[in-house]
Amino acid sequence: MSFDPARFAVVSVVDTCAVWNMLSSLRLNEAAIQAKLHFCITPVVLYECLHKPRPNITPEQQELMGRLVSNRAKGRFPVQECSLDDLLAISEKVPGKLGSGELSCIAAAYRIRNIAVMTDEKLARKYAQGNLGLSVETTPRLYGYLHYHQHLGGADHDEVIKEHERFERRPLTQFFNQTFDEAMRCRLMANMASIASKSSAEGMTSTKSEAP
């Protein structure tokens, strides 16, 4: 898998789908907070999440909206302004199939440059990274990062997926499993390298102490 679970952007501007995917698991969201990662949203994403008219709101959608409101009351998911000029400049460059929330996140990151775009939409990721050279993150990458650095434990794996699947019609279970496995593999390799390095250092110390 082509990602490094040891690394994740400190600050990301998050699109609508990624907001819901993060908030679909309370344990995942709290672990991200404990890891001191920061996530912001654009006014367009805020509108799509909380204010856009919906013909029918399911109990699951209502709960996710409540979680976002609660998080914002605690200072999480602050709004990062995205000007009309930023949107116009990017809209001339990106594919027409991108949604307004994704477009606004790409525009904000393109202007600021030192923050990542966090999106689980393949087309948005491909264009932001491949065509605009932006740093791109995803919810599964976040999940792998949190496991690698032990903000989540192995016992959390089934719980996070179970709760996530309750809220999402197209859950990210496959990708959560992949990034979890990669995080565990990389941790094992790092631990083995650390043990080998320690053993080598101890061997050198022993050899020096025995020298005449």
N, C-alpha and C. Protein backbone atom coordinates (compact mmCIF):
# COMPACT_ATOMS: atom_id res chain seq x y z
N MET A 1 0.85 -1.19 0.00
CA MET A 1 0.00 0.00 0.00
C MET A 1 0.88 1.24 0.00
N SER A 2 0.56 2.20 -0.85
CA SER A 2 1.43 3.36 -1.05
C SER A 2 1.09 4.50 -0.09
N PHE A 3 1.23 4.25 1.19
CA PHE A 3 1.13 5.34 2.16
C PHE A 3 1.96 4.99 3.37
N ASP A 4 2.41 6.02 4.06
CA ASP A 4 3.25 5.85 5.23
C ASP A 4 2.40 6.09 6.48
N PRO A 5 2.04 5.05 7.24
CA PRO A 5 1.17 5.24 8.40
C PRO A 5 1.81 6.03 9.53
N ALA A 6 3.12 6.27 9.43
CA ALA A 6 3.79 7.06 10.46
C ALA A 6 3.53 8.55 10.29
N ARG A 7 3.01 8.95 9.12
CA ARG A 7 2.85 10.37 8.82
C ARG A 7 1.40 10.73 8.51
N PHE A 8 1.01 11.92 8.97
CA PHE A 8 -0.30 12.47 8.64
C PHE A 8 -0.23 13.98 8.82
N ALA A 9 -0.92 14.72 7.97
CA ALA A 9 -0.89 16.18 8.05
C ALA A 9 -1.42 16.68 9.39
N VAL A 10 -0.75 17.67 9.94
CA VAL A 10 -1.19 18.23 11.23
C VAL A 10 -2.51 18.98 11.06
N VAL A 11 -2.67 19.66 9.92
CA VAL A 11 -3.90 20.43 9.66
C VAL A 11 -4.45 20.02 8.30
N SER A 12 -5.75 19.73 8.26
CA SER A 12 -6.41 19.36 7.01
C SER A 12 -7.73 20.11 6.88
N VAL A 13 -8.07 20.47 5.65
CA VAL A 13 -9.39 21.02 5.37
C VAL A 13 -10.22 19.87 4.81
N VAL A 14 -11.35 19.59 5.43
CA VAL A 14 -12.08 18.33 5.26
C VAL A 14 -13.36 18.54 4.46
N ASP A 15 -13.60 17.67 3.47
CA ASP A 15 -14.83 17.79 2.71
C ASP A 15 -15.98 17.08 3.42
N THR A 16 -17.17 17.20 2.87
CA THR A 16 -18.39 16.74 3.55
C THR A 16 -18.36 15.24 3.85
N CYS A 17 -18.03 14.42 2.87
CA CYS A 17 -18.01 12.97 3.08
C CYS A 17 -17.01 12.57 4.15
N ALA A 18 -15.84 13.20 4.13
CA ALA A 18 -14.82 12.85 5.12
C ALA A 18 -15.23 13.30 6.52
N VAL A 19 -15.96 14.41 6.63
CA VAL A 19 -16.49 14.83 7.93
C VAL A 19 -17.38 13.73 8.50
N TRP A 20 -18.32 13.26 7.67
CA TRP A 20 -19.23 12.22 8.14
C TRP A 20 -18.49 10.93 8.46
N ASN A 21 -17.50 10.57 7.65
CA ASN A 21 -16.76 9.34 7.91
C ASN A 21 -15.98 9.42 9.22
N MET A 22 -15.41 10.58 9.52
CA MET A 22 -14.71 10.76 10.79
C MET A 22 -15.66 10.67 11.97
N LEU A 23 -16.81 11.34 11.84
CA LEU A 23 -17.75 11.40 12.95
C LEU A 23 -18.60 10.14 13.08
N SER A 24 -18.50 9.23 12.11
CA SER A 24 -19.28 8.00 12.19
C SER A 24 -18.82 7.11 13.34
N SER A 25 -17.60 7.34 13.81
CA SER A 25 -17.08 6.59 14.95
C SER A 25 -16.59 7.55 16.02
N LEU A 26 -17.22 7.51 17.17
CA LEU A 26 -16.80 8.38 18.27
C LEU A 26 -15.37 8.07 18.69
N ARG A 27 -15.01 6.79 18.68
CA ARG A 27 -13.65 6.40 19.09
C ARG A 27 -12.61 6.94 18.13
N LEU A 28 -12.89 6.87 16.85
CA LEU A 28 -11.97 7.39 15.84
C LEU A 28 -11.79 8.89 16.00
N ASN A 29 -12.88 9.60 16.17
CA ASN A 29 -12.82 11.05 16.30
C ASN A 29 -12.05 11.47 17.55
N GLU A 30 -12.30 10.80 18.67
CA GLU A 30 -11.60 11.14 19.90
C GLU A 30 -10.11 10.83 19.79
N ALA A 31 -9.77 9.75 19.11
CA ALA A 31 -8.35 9.41 18.93
C ALA A 31 -7.64 10.47 18.11
N ALA A 32 -8.32 11.00 17.10
CA ALA A 32 -7.73 12.07 16.28
C ALA A 32 -7.49 13.32 17.12
N ILE A 33 -8.38 13.59 18.04
CA ILE A 33 -8.21 14.74 18.94
C ILE A 33 -7.02 14.51 19.86
N GLN A 34 -6.93 13.29 20.42
CA GLN A 34 -5.81 12.96 21.30
C GLN A 34 -4.47 13.06 20.57
N ALA A 35 -4.49 12.79 19.27
CA ALA A 35 -3.26 12.86 18.47
C ALA A 35 -2.88 14.30 18.12
N LYS A 36 -3.71 15.26 18.55
CA LYS A 36 -3.47 16.69 18.31
C LYS A 36 -3.46 17.03 16.81
N LEU A 37 -4.35 16.38 16.08
CA LEU A 37 -4.55 16.71 14.68
C LEU A 37 -5.70 17.71 14.57
N HIS A 38 -5.60 18.60 13.61
CA HIS A 38 -6.58 19.67 13.49
C HIS A 38 -7.28 19.59 12.13
N PHE A 39 -8.59 19.78 12.18
CA PHE A 39 -9.41 19.68 10.97
C PHE A 39 -10.32 20.90 10.88
N CYS A 40 -10.36 21.50 9.71
CA CYS A 40 -11.23 22.64 9.49
C CYS A 40 -12.14 22.34 8.30
N ILE A 41 -13.17 23.14 8.14
CA ILE A 41 -14.10 22.97 7.03
C ILE A 41 -14.34 24.33 6.39
N THR A 42 -14.76 24.32 5.14
CA THR A 42 -15.08 25.57 4.45
C THR A 42 -16.54 25.94 4.71
N PRO A 43 -16.93 27.18 4.43
CA PRO A 43 -18.35 27.55 4.57
C PRO A 43 -19.26 26.67 3.71
N VAL A 44 -18.78 26.25 2.54
CA VAL A 44 -19.59 25.39 1.67
C VAL A 44 -19.83 24.05 2.34
N VAL A 45 -18.79 23.47 2.95
CA VAL A 45 -18.94 22.19 3.64
C VAL A 45 -19.87 22.33 4.84
N LEU A 46 -19.74 23.42 5.58
CA LEU A 46 -20.64 23.66 6.71
C LEU A 46 -22.09 23.71 6.23
N TYR A 47 -22.32 24.39 5.12
CA TYR A 47 -23.67 24.47 4.56
C TYR A 47 -24.18 23.09 4.16
N GLU A 48 -23.33 22.31 3.47
CA GLU A 48 -23.74 20.98 3.04
C GLU A 48 -24.04 20.07 4.23
N CYS A 49 -23.28 20.22 5.29
CA CYS A 49 -23.45 19.34 6.45
C CYS A 49 -24.67 19.70 7.29
N LEU A 50 -24.88 20.98 7.52
CA LEU A 50 -25.88 21.37 8.52
C LEU A 50 -27.06 22.19 8.00
N HIS A 51 -26.90 22.90 6.91
CA HIS A 51 -27.93 23.86 6.52
C HIS A 51 -28.60 23.57 5.18
N LYS A 52 -28.03 22.69 4.40
CA LYS A 52 -28.61 22.37 3.10
C LYS A 52 -29.96 21.68 3.29
N PRO A 53 -31.02 22.16 2.62
CA PRO A 53 -32.34 21.53 2.78
C PRO A 53 -32.31 20.06 2.37
N ARG A 54 -32.95 19.21 3.19
CA ARG A 54 -33.04 17.79 2.90
C ARG A 54 -34.49 17.36 2.97
N PRO A 55 -34.98 16.61 1.97
CA PRO A 55 -36.37 16.18 2.00
C PRO A 55 -36.68 15.27 3.17
N ASN A 56 -35.74 14.40 3.49
CA ASN A 56 -35.91 13.47 4.61
C ASN A 56 -34.57 13.29 5.32
N ILE A 57 -34.60 13.42 6.63
CA ILE A 57 -33.39 13.23 7.43
C ILE A 57 -33.57 11.97 8.26
N THR A 58 -32.69 11.00 8.05
CA THR A 58 -32.76 9.75 8.79
C THR A 58 -32.24 9.96 10.22
N PRO A 59 -32.59 9.08 11.13
CA PRO A 59 -32.05 9.19 12.50
C PRO A 59 -30.53 9.18 12.52
N GLU A 60 -29.93 8.40 11.61
CA GLU A 60 -28.46 8.34 11.54
C GLU A 60 -27.88 9.68 11.10
N GLN A 61 -28.49 10.29 10.09
CA GLN A 61 -28.03 11.61 9.63
C GLN A 61 -28.20 12.65 10.74
N GLN A 62 -29.31 12.57 11.43
CA GLN A 62 -29.57 13.51 12.52
C GLN A 62 -28.52 13.38 13.61
N GLU A 63 -28.13 12.15 13.91
CA GLU A 63 -27.12 11.94 14.95
C GLU A 63 -25.76 12.48 14.51
N LEU A 64 -25.39 12.25 13.25
CA LEU A 64 -24.12 12.77 12.76
C LEU A 64 -24.11 14.30 12.78
N MET A 65 -25.21 14.91 12.39
CA MET A 65 -25.31 16.36 12.44
C MET A 65 -25.16 16.86 13.86
N GLY A 66 -25.77 16.17 14.81
CA GLY A 66 -25.63 16.53 16.21
C GLY A 66 -24.20 16.42 16.69
N ARG A 67 -23.50 15.39 16.22
CA ARG A 67 -22.08 15.23 16.60
C ARG A 67 -21.25 16.38 16.06
N LEU A 68 -21.54 16.81 14.83
CA LEU A 68 -20.78 17.93 14.27
C LEU A 68 -21.05 19.20 15.05
N VAL A 69 -22.30 19.46 15.37
CA VAL A 69 -22.65 20.65 16.15
C VAL A 69 -21.94 20.62 17.50
N SER A 70 -21.93 19.45 18.15
CA SER A 70 -21.27 19.30 19.45
C SER A 70 -19.77 19.54 19.34
N ASN A 71 -19.15 18.98 18.31
CA ASN A 71 -17.72 19.18 18.10
C ASN A 71 -17.39 20.63 17.84
N ARG A 72 -18.21 21.29 17.04
CA ARG A 72 -17.94 22.71 16.72
C ARG A 72 -18.10 23.58 17.96
N ALA A 73 -19.01 23.22 18.84
CA ALA A 73 -19.19 23.97 20.09
C ALA A 73 -17.95 23.88 20.97
N LYS A 74 -17.16 22.81 20.77
CA LYS A 74 -15.93 22.62 21.53
C LYS A 74 -14.71 23.16 20.78
N GLY A 75 -14.92 23.85 19.68
CA GLY A 75 -13.83 24.45 18.93
C GLY A 75 -13.25 23.59 17.84
N ARG A 76 -13.85 22.43 17.58
CA ARG A 76 -13.36 21.55 16.53
C ARG A 76 -14.08 21.85 15.22
N PHE A 77 -13.46 21.49 14.13
CA PHE A 77 -13.99 21.77 12.79
C PHE A 77 -14.33 23.25 12.60
N PRO A 78 -13.38 24.16 12.91
CA PRO A 78 -13.64 25.58 12.65
C PRO A 78 -13.72 25.84 11.15
N VAL A 79 -14.31 26.97 10.80
CA VAL A 79 -14.48 27.32 9.39
C VAL A 79 -13.24 28.03 8.87
N GLN A 80 -12.72 27.54 7.76
CA GLN A 80 -11.65 28.19 7.02
C GLN A 80 -12.27 28.87 5.82
N GLU A 81 -12.23 30.18 5.80
CA GLU A 81 -12.86 30.92 4.72
C GLU A 81 -12.26 30.58 3.36
N CYS A 82 -13.10 30.58 2.38
CA CYS A 82 -12.68 30.32 0.99
C CYS A 82 -13.37 31.37 0.13
N SER A 83 -12.59 32.29 -0.44
CA SER A 83 -13.18 33.40 -1.17
C SER A 83 -13.73 32.97 -2.53
N LEU A 84 -14.59 33.81 -3.07
CA LEU A 84 -15.15 33.56 -4.40
C LEU A 84 -14.04 33.54 -5.45
N ASP A 85 -13.04 34.39 -5.28
CA ASP A 85 -11.92 34.41 -6.21
C ASP A 85 -11.16 33.09 -6.19
N ASP A 86 -10.98 32.52 -4.97
CA ASP A 86 -10.31 31.22 -4.85
C ASP A 86 -11.09 30.14 -5.60
N LEU A 87 -12.41 30.17 -5.41
CA LEU A 87 -13.27 29.17 -6.05
C LEU A 87 -13.24 29.31 -7.57
N LEU A 88 -13.29 30.52 -8.03
CA LEU A 88 -13.29 30.76 -9.48
C LEU A 88 -11.97 30.32 -10.10
N ALA A 89 -10.88 30.60 -9.40
CA ALA A 89 -9.55 30.23 -9.92
C ALA A 89 -9.41 28.72 -10.05
N ILE A 90 -9.93 28.00 -9.05
CA ILE A 90 -9.82 26.54 -9.07
C ILE A 90 -10.84 25.91 -10.01
N SER A 91 -12.04 26.49 -10.08
CA SER A 91 -13.09 25.89 -10.91
C SER A 91 -12.69 25.84 -12.38
N GLU A 92 -11.77 26.71 -12.78
CA GLU A 92 -11.30 26.70 -14.17
C GLU A 92 -10.28 25.58 -14.42
N LYS A 93 -9.78 24.99 -13.34
CA LYS A 93 -8.73 23.99 -13.47
C LYS A 93 -9.23 22.55 -13.24
N VAL A 94 -10.29 22.40 -12.44
CA VAL A 94 -10.67 21.07 -11.99
C VAL A 94 -11.76 20.46 -12.86
N PRO A 95 -11.92 19.13 -12.80
CA PRO A 95 -12.99 18.46 -13.56
C PRO A 95 -14.36 18.89 -13.09
N GLY A 96 -15.30 18.96 -14.02
CA GLY A 96 -16.65 19.41 -13.69
C GLY A 96 -17.42 18.46 -12.78
N LYS A 97 -16.94 17.23 -12.61
CA LYS A 97 -17.66 16.25 -11.81
C LYS A 97 -17.47 16.43 -10.31
N LEU A 98 -16.57 17.29 -9.90
CA LEU A 98 -16.34 17.50 -8.47
C LEU A 98 -17.49 18.28 -7.85
N GLY A 99 -17.85 17.91 -6.62
CA GLY A 99 -18.89 18.62 -5.90
C GLY A 99 -18.39 19.94 -5.36
N SER A 100 -19.33 20.78 -4.94
CA SER A 100 -18.96 22.11 -4.46
C SER A 100 -18.15 22.05 -3.17
N GLY A 101 -18.45 21.08 -2.30
CA GLY A 101 -17.69 20.95 -1.06
C GLY A 101 -16.25 20.57 -1.32
N GLU A 102 -16.06 19.59 -2.21
CA GLU A 102 -14.70 19.16 -2.57
C GLU A 102 -13.95 20.31 -3.23
N LEU A 103 -14.63 21.01 -4.13
CA LEU A 103 -14.03 22.13 -4.84
C LEU A 103 -13.56 23.20 -3.87
N SER A 104 -14.38 23.51 -2.89
CA SER A 104 -14.02 24.56 -1.93
C SER A 104 -12.83 24.16 -1.08
N CYS A 105 -12.74 22.88 -0.71
CA CYS A 105 -11.60 22.40 0.09
C CYS A 105 -10.31 22.48 -0.72
N ILE A 106 -10.38 22.08 -1.97
CA ILE A 106 -9.21 22.15 -2.84
C ILE A 106 -8.78 23.60 -3.02
N ALA A 107 -9.75 24.50 -3.20
CA ALA A 107 -9.44 25.92 -3.37
C ALA A 107 -8.77 26.49 -2.13
N ALA A 108 -9.28 26.14 -0.95
CA ALA A 108 -8.69 26.65 0.30
C ALA A 108 -7.26 26.15 0.48
N ALA A 109 -7.04 24.86 0.22
CA ALA A 109 -5.70 24.30 0.37
C ALA A 109 -4.74 24.84 -0.69
N TYR A 110 -5.27 25.09 -1.87
CA TYR A 110 -4.44 25.61 -2.96
C TYR A 110 -3.93 27.01 -2.63
N ARG A 111 -4.76 27.79 -1.95
CA ARG A 111 -4.35 29.15 -1.58
C ARG A 111 -3.40 29.13 -0.38
N ILE A 112 -3.70 28.32 0.63
CA ILE A 112 -2.90 28.32 1.86
C ILE A 112 -1.61 27.52 1.70
N ARG A 113 -1.72 26.39 0.99
CA ARG A 113 -0.57 25.55 0.63
C ARG A 113 0.02 24.71 1.77
N ASN A 114 -0.04 25.16 3.01
CA ASN A 114 0.58 24.37 4.07
C ASN A 114 -0.43 23.53 4.84
N ILE A 115 -1.62 23.32 4.28
CA ILE A 115 -2.59 22.41 4.86
C ILE A 115 -2.96 21.37 3.80
N ALA A 116 -3.46 20.24 4.26
CA ALA A 116 -3.83 19.15 3.35
C ALA A 116 -5.32 19.21 3.03
N VAL A 117 -5.68 18.60 1.91
CA VAL A 117 -7.08 18.35 1.59
C VAL A 117 -7.40 16.95 2.09
N MET A 118 -8.46 16.82 2.87
CA MET A 118 -8.87 15.50 3.32
C MET A 118 -10.18 15.14 2.64
N THR A 119 -10.13 14.14 1.78
CA THR A 119 -11.31 13.71 1.03
C THR A 119 -11.23 12.22 0.76
N ASP A 120 -12.38 11.56 0.77
CA ASP A 120 -12.44 10.14 0.46
C ASP A 120 -12.96 9.90 -0.95
N GLU A 121 -13.09 10.98 -1.73
CA GLU A 121 -13.53 10.87 -3.12
C GLU A 121 -12.32 10.70 -4.03
N LYS A 122 -12.30 9.63 -4.79
CA LYS A 122 -11.13 9.28 -5.60
C LYS A 122 -10.76 10.35 -6.61
N LEU A 123 -11.75 10.90 -7.32
CA LEU A 123 -11.46 11.91 -8.34
C LEU A 123 -10.87 13.16 -7.72
N ALA A 124 -11.41 13.59 -6.58
CA ALA A 124 -10.90 14.79 -5.91
C ALA A 124 -9.47 14.56 -5.44
N ARG A 125 -9.19 13.40 -4.89
CA ARG A 125 -7.83 13.09 -4.43
C ARG A 125 -6.86 13.10 -5.59
N LYS A 126 -7.24 12.43 -6.66
CA LYS A 126 -6.36 12.32 -7.82
C LYS A 126 -6.03 13.68 -8.40
N TYR A 127 -7.03 14.54 -8.51
CA TYR A 127 -6.78 15.85 -9.12
C TYR A 127 -5.99 16.76 -8.18
N ALA A 128 -6.38 16.79 -6.90
CA ALA A 128 -5.69 17.67 -5.95
C ALA A 128 -4.22 17.33 -5.84
N GLN A 129 -3.91 16.05 -5.80
CA GLN A 129 -2.51 15.64 -5.64
C GLN A 129 -1.76 15.61 -6.97
N GLY A 130 -2.37 14.98 -7.97
CA GLY A 130 -1.66 14.79 -9.23
C GLY A 130 -1.54 16.03 -10.08
N ASN A 131 -2.59 16.87 -10.10
CA ASN A 131 -2.59 18.04 -10.98
C ASN A 131 -2.21 19.34 -10.27
N LEU A 132 -2.51 19.43 -8.98
CA LEU A 132 -2.24 20.67 -8.26
C LEU A 132 -1.10 20.54 -7.26
N GLY A 133 -0.61 19.33 -7.05
CA GLY A 133 0.51 19.14 -6.14
C GLY A 133 0.19 19.37 -4.68
N LEU A 134 -1.08 19.18 -4.30
CA LEU A 134 -1.49 19.40 -2.92
C LEU A 134 -1.27 18.14 -2.08
N SER A 135 -1.08 18.34 -0.79
CA SER A 135 -1.03 17.22 0.14
C SER A 135 -2.45 16.71 0.35
N VAL A 136 -2.65 15.41 0.25
CA VAL A 136 -3.99 14.82 0.33
C VAL A 136 -4.02 13.75 1.41
N GLU A 137 -5.04 13.77 2.24
CA GLU A 137 -5.26 12.76 3.26
C GLU A 137 -6.65 12.15 3.09
N THR A 138 -6.87 10.99 3.73
CA THR A 138 -8.17 10.32 3.69
C THR A 138 -8.50 9.80 5.08
N THR A 139 -9.75 9.42 5.29
CA THR A 139 -10.14 8.84 6.58
C THR A 139 -9.43 7.52 6.83
N PRO A 140 -9.33 6.61 5.84
CA PRO A 140 -8.55 5.39 6.10
C PRO A 140 -7.09 5.65 6.44
N ARG A 141 -6.47 6.65 5.80
CA ARG A 141 -5.08 6.98 6.15
C ARG A 141 -5.00 7.50 7.58
N LEU A 142 -5.97 8.29 7.98
CA LEU A 142 -6.04 8.75 9.36
C LEU A 142 -6.14 7.55 10.30
N TYR A 143 -6.96 6.61 9.94
CA TYR A 143 -7.16 5.41 10.77
C TYR A 143 -5.85 4.64 10.93
N GLY A 144 -5.13 4.45 9.82
CA GLY A 144 -3.84 3.76 9.90
C GLY A 144 -2.84 4.51 10.76
N TYR A 145 -2.80 5.83 10.62
CA TYR A 145 -1.89 6.67 11.41
C TYR A 145 -2.18 6.54 12.90
N LEU A 146 -3.44 6.56 13.26
CA LEU A 146 -3.81 6.48 14.68
C LEU A 146 -3.44 5.13 15.27
N HIS A 147 -3.54 4.07 14.48
CA HIS A 147 -3.11 2.75 14.96
C HIS A 147 -1.59 2.66 15.05
N TYR A 148 -0.90 3.20 14.07
CA TYR A 148 0.56 3.13 14.07
C TYR A 148 1.12 3.79 15.32
N HIS A 149 0.57 4.94 15.69
CA HIS A 149 1.07 5.69 16.84
C HIS A 149 0.33 5.32 18.13
N GLN A 150 -0.49 4.28 18.07
CA GLN A 150 -1.16 3.70 19.23
C GLN A 150 -2.14 4.64 19.93
N HIS A 151 -2.70 5.57 19.16
CA HIS A 151 -3.84 6.33 19.69
C HIS A 151 -5.10 5.47 19.63
N LEU A 152 -5.06 4.45 18.78
CA LEU A 152 -6.06 3.39 18.75
C LEU A 152 -5.35 2.07 19.00
N GLY A 153 -6.01 1.18 19.73
CA GLY A 153 -5.44 -0.13 19.98
C GLY A 153 -6.11 -1.20 19.13
N GLY A 154 -5.53 -2.38 19.12
CA GLY A 154 -6.10 -3.46 18.34
C GLY A 154 -7.53 -3.78 18.72
N ALA A 155 -7.85 -3.61 20.00
CA ALA A 155 -9.20 -3.88 20.47
C ALA A 155 -10.22 -2.88 19.93
N ASP A 156 -9.75 -1.74 19.45
CA ASP A 156 -10.66 -0.72 18.91
C ASP A 156 -11.09 -1.03 17.48
N HIS A 157 -10.37 -1.91 16.80
CA HIS A 157 -10.57 -2.11 15.37
C HIS A 157 -12.01 -2.52 15.04
N ASP A 158 -12.49 -3.57 15.67
CA ASP A 158 -13.85 -4.04 15.38
C ASP A 158 -14.90 -3.02 15.79
N GLU A 159 -14.65 -2.32 16.91
CA GLU A 159 -15.61 -1.33 17.40
C GLU A 159 -15.77 -0.17 16.43
N VAL A 160 -14.63 0.34 15.92
CA VAL A 160 -14.68 1.46 14.99
C VAL A 160 -15.43 1.07 13.72
N ILE A 161 -15.12 -0.09 13.18
CA ILE A 161 -15.77 -0.53 11.95
C ILE A 161 -17.25 -0.78 12.16
N LYS A 162 -17.62 -1.38 13.26
CA LYS A 162 -19.02 -1.65 13.55
C LYS A 162 -19.83 -0.36 13.60
N GLU A 163 -19.31 0.64 14.30
CA GLU A 163 -20.04 1.90 14.40
C GLU A 163 -20.07 2.62 13.06
N HIS A 164 -18.96 2.61 12.35
CA HIS A 164 -18.89 3.25 11.03
C HIS A 164 -19.91 2.65 10.08
N GLU A 165 -20.03 1.34 10.06
CA GLU A 165 -20.96 0.68 9.15
C GLU A 165 -22.42 0.98 9.48
N ARG A 166 -22.67 1.34 10.70
CA ARG A 166 -24.04 1.70 11.10
C ARG A 166 -24.50 2.99 10.42
N PHE A 167 -23.56 3.87 10.13
CA PHE A 167 -23.92 5.18 9.59
C PHE A 167 -23.75 5.30 8.08
N GLU A 168 -22.91 4.48 7.49
CA GLU A 168 -22.54 4.68 6.08
C GLU A 168 -23.16 3.63 5.16
N ARG A 169 -23.78 4.09 4.10
CA ARG A 169 -24.34 3.19 3.10
C ARG A 169 -23.23 2.53 2.29
N ARG A 170 -22.14 3.24 2.09
CA ARG A 170 -20.97 2.69 1.40
C ARG A 170 -19.77 2.77 2.35
N PRO A 171 -19.72 1.86 3.31
CA PRO A 171 -18.68 1.96 4.35
C PRO A 171 -17.27 1.76 3.79
N LEU A 172 -16.31 2.28 4.53
CA LEU A 172 -14.90 2.20 4.15
C LEU A 172 -14.21 0.99 4.78
N THR A 173 -14.99 -0.02 5.12
CA THR A 173 -14.46 -1.17 5.86
C THR A 173 -13.23 -1.78 5.19
N GLN A 174 -13.30 -1.99 3.89
CA GLN A 174 -12.18 -2.59 3.15
C GLN A 174 -10.91 -1.77 3.32
N PHE A 175 -11.05 -0.46 3.26
CA PHE A 175 -9.88 0.42 3.33
C PHE A 175 -9.39 0.57 4.77
N PHE A 176 -10.30 0.54 5.73
CA PHE A 176 -9.89 0.54 7.13
C PHE A 176 -9.08 -0.72 7.43
N ASN A 177 -9.53 -1.86 6.92
CA ASN A 177 -8.79 -3.10 7.13
C ASN A 177 -7.40 -3.02 6.50
N GLN A 178 -7.32 -2.46 5.31
CA GLN A 178 -6.04 -2.35 4.61
C GLN A 178 -5.06 -1.45 5.37
N THR A 179 -5.53 -0.29 5.81
CA THR A 179 -4.62 0.63 6.49
C THR A 179 -4.27 0.13 7.89
N PHE A 180 -5.19 -0.59 8.52
CA PHE A 180 -4.89 -1.21 9.80
C PHE A 180 -3.78 -2.24 9.64
N ASP A 181 -3.91 -3.11 8.64
CA ASP A 181 -2.89 -4.13 8.39
C ASP A 181 -1.54 -3.50 8.07
N GLU A 182 -1.56 -2.43 7.26
CA GLU A 182 -0.30 -1.77 6.90
C GLU A 182 0.34 -1.10 8.11
N ALA A 183 -0.48 -0.51 8.97
CA ALA A 183 0.04 0.13 10.18
C ALA A 183 0.69 -0.91 11.09
N MET A 184 0.04 -2.08 11.23
CA MET A 184 0.60 -3.14 12.07
C MET A 184 1.90 -3.70 11.47
N ARG A 185 1.93 -3.84 10.14
CA ARG A 185 3.13 -4.32 9.48
C ARG A 185 4.29 -3.35 9.68
N CYS A 186 4.02 -2.07 9.50
CA CYS A 186 5.08 -1.06 9.65
C CYS A 186 5.55 -0.94 11.09
N ARG A 187 4.65 -1.09 12.04
CA ARG A 187 5.04 -1.06 13.45
C ARG A 187 5.95 -2.24 13.77
N LEU A 188 5.58 -3.41 13.23
CA LEU A 188 6.39 -4.60 13.47
C LEU A 188 7.80 -4.42 12.89
N MET A 189 7.87 -3.89 11.67
CA MET A 189 9.17 -3.67 11.04
C MET A 189 9.99 -2.66 11.82
N ALA A 190 9.34 -1.59 12.29
CA ALA A 190 10.04 -0.56 13.06
C ALA A 190 10.56 -1.14 14.38
N ASN A 191 9.75 -1.97 15.03
CA ASN A 191 10.17 -2.59 16.29
C ASN A 191 11.33 -3.54 16.08
N MET A 192 11.28 -4.32 14.99
CA MET A 192 12.36 -5.25 14.70
C MET A 192 13.66 -4.49 14.41
N ALA A 193 13.55 -3.38 13.68
CA ALA A 193 14.74 -2.57 13.38
C ALA A 193 15.32 -1.97 14.66
N SER A 194 14.43 -1.55 15.56
CA SER A 194 14.88 -0.97 16.83
C SER A 194 15.61 -2.00 17.68
N ILE A 195 15.05 -3.22 17.71
CA ILE A 195 15.68 -4.30 18.49
C ILE A 195 17.04 -4.65 17.91
N ALA A 196 17.10 -4.74 16.57
CA ALA A 196 18.37 -5.07 15.91
C ALA A 196 19.41 -4.00 16.17
N SER A 197 19.00 -2.73 16.13
CA SER A 197 19.92 -1.63 16.38
C SER A 197 20.43 -1.64 17.82
N LYS A 198 19.51 -1.93 18.75
CA LYS A 198 19.89 -1.98 20.16
C LYS A 198 20.87 -3.12 20.42
N SER A 199 20.58 -4.28 19.80
CA SER A 199 21.46 -5.44 19.97
C SER A 199 22.84 -5.16 19.40
N SER A 200 22.88 -4.48 18.25
CA SER A 200 24.15 -4.15 17.63
C SER A 200 24.95 -3.20 18.51
N ALA A 201 24.28 -2.21 19.09
CA ALA A 201 24.95 -1.25 19.96
C ALA A 201 25.49 -1.92 21.20
N GLU A 202 24.70 -2.85 21.77
CA GLU A 202 25.15 -3.56 22.97
C GLU A 202 26.35 -4.44 22.64
N GLY A 203 26.34 -5.04 21.42
CA GLY A 203 27.46 -5.88 21.01
C GLY A 203 28.74 -5.09 20.87
N MET A 204 28.62 -3.88 20.31
CA MET A 204 29.79 -3.03 20.15
C MET A 204 30.34 -2.60 21.51
N THR A 205 29.43 -2.29 22.45
CA THR A 205 29.86 -1.90 23.78
C THR A 205 30.59 -3.04 24.48
N SER A 206 30.06 -4.25 24.31
CA SER A 206 30.69 -5.42 24.93
C SER A 206 32.07 -5.68 24.36
N THR A 207 32.21 -5.51 23.06
CA THR A 207 33.51 -5.72 22.39
C THR A 207 34.56 -4.72 22.88
N LYS A 208 34.11 -3.48 23.03
CA LYS A 208 35.05 -2.44 23.50
C LYS A 208 35.50 -2.71 24.93
N SER A 209 34.56 -3.19 25.76
CA SER A 209 34.92 -3.41 27.16
C SER A 209 35.89 -4.57 27.33
N GLU A 210 35.89 -5.50 26.32
CA GLU A 210 36.78 -6.66 26.40
C GLU A 210 38.14 -6.39 25.75
N ALA A 211 38.26 -5.24 25.09
CA ALA A 211 39.53 -4.96 24.40
C ALA A 211 40.65 -4.77 25.43
N PRO A 212 41.88 -5.24 25.12
CA PRO A 212 43.03 -5.09 26.04
C PRO A 212 43.44 -3.64 26.21
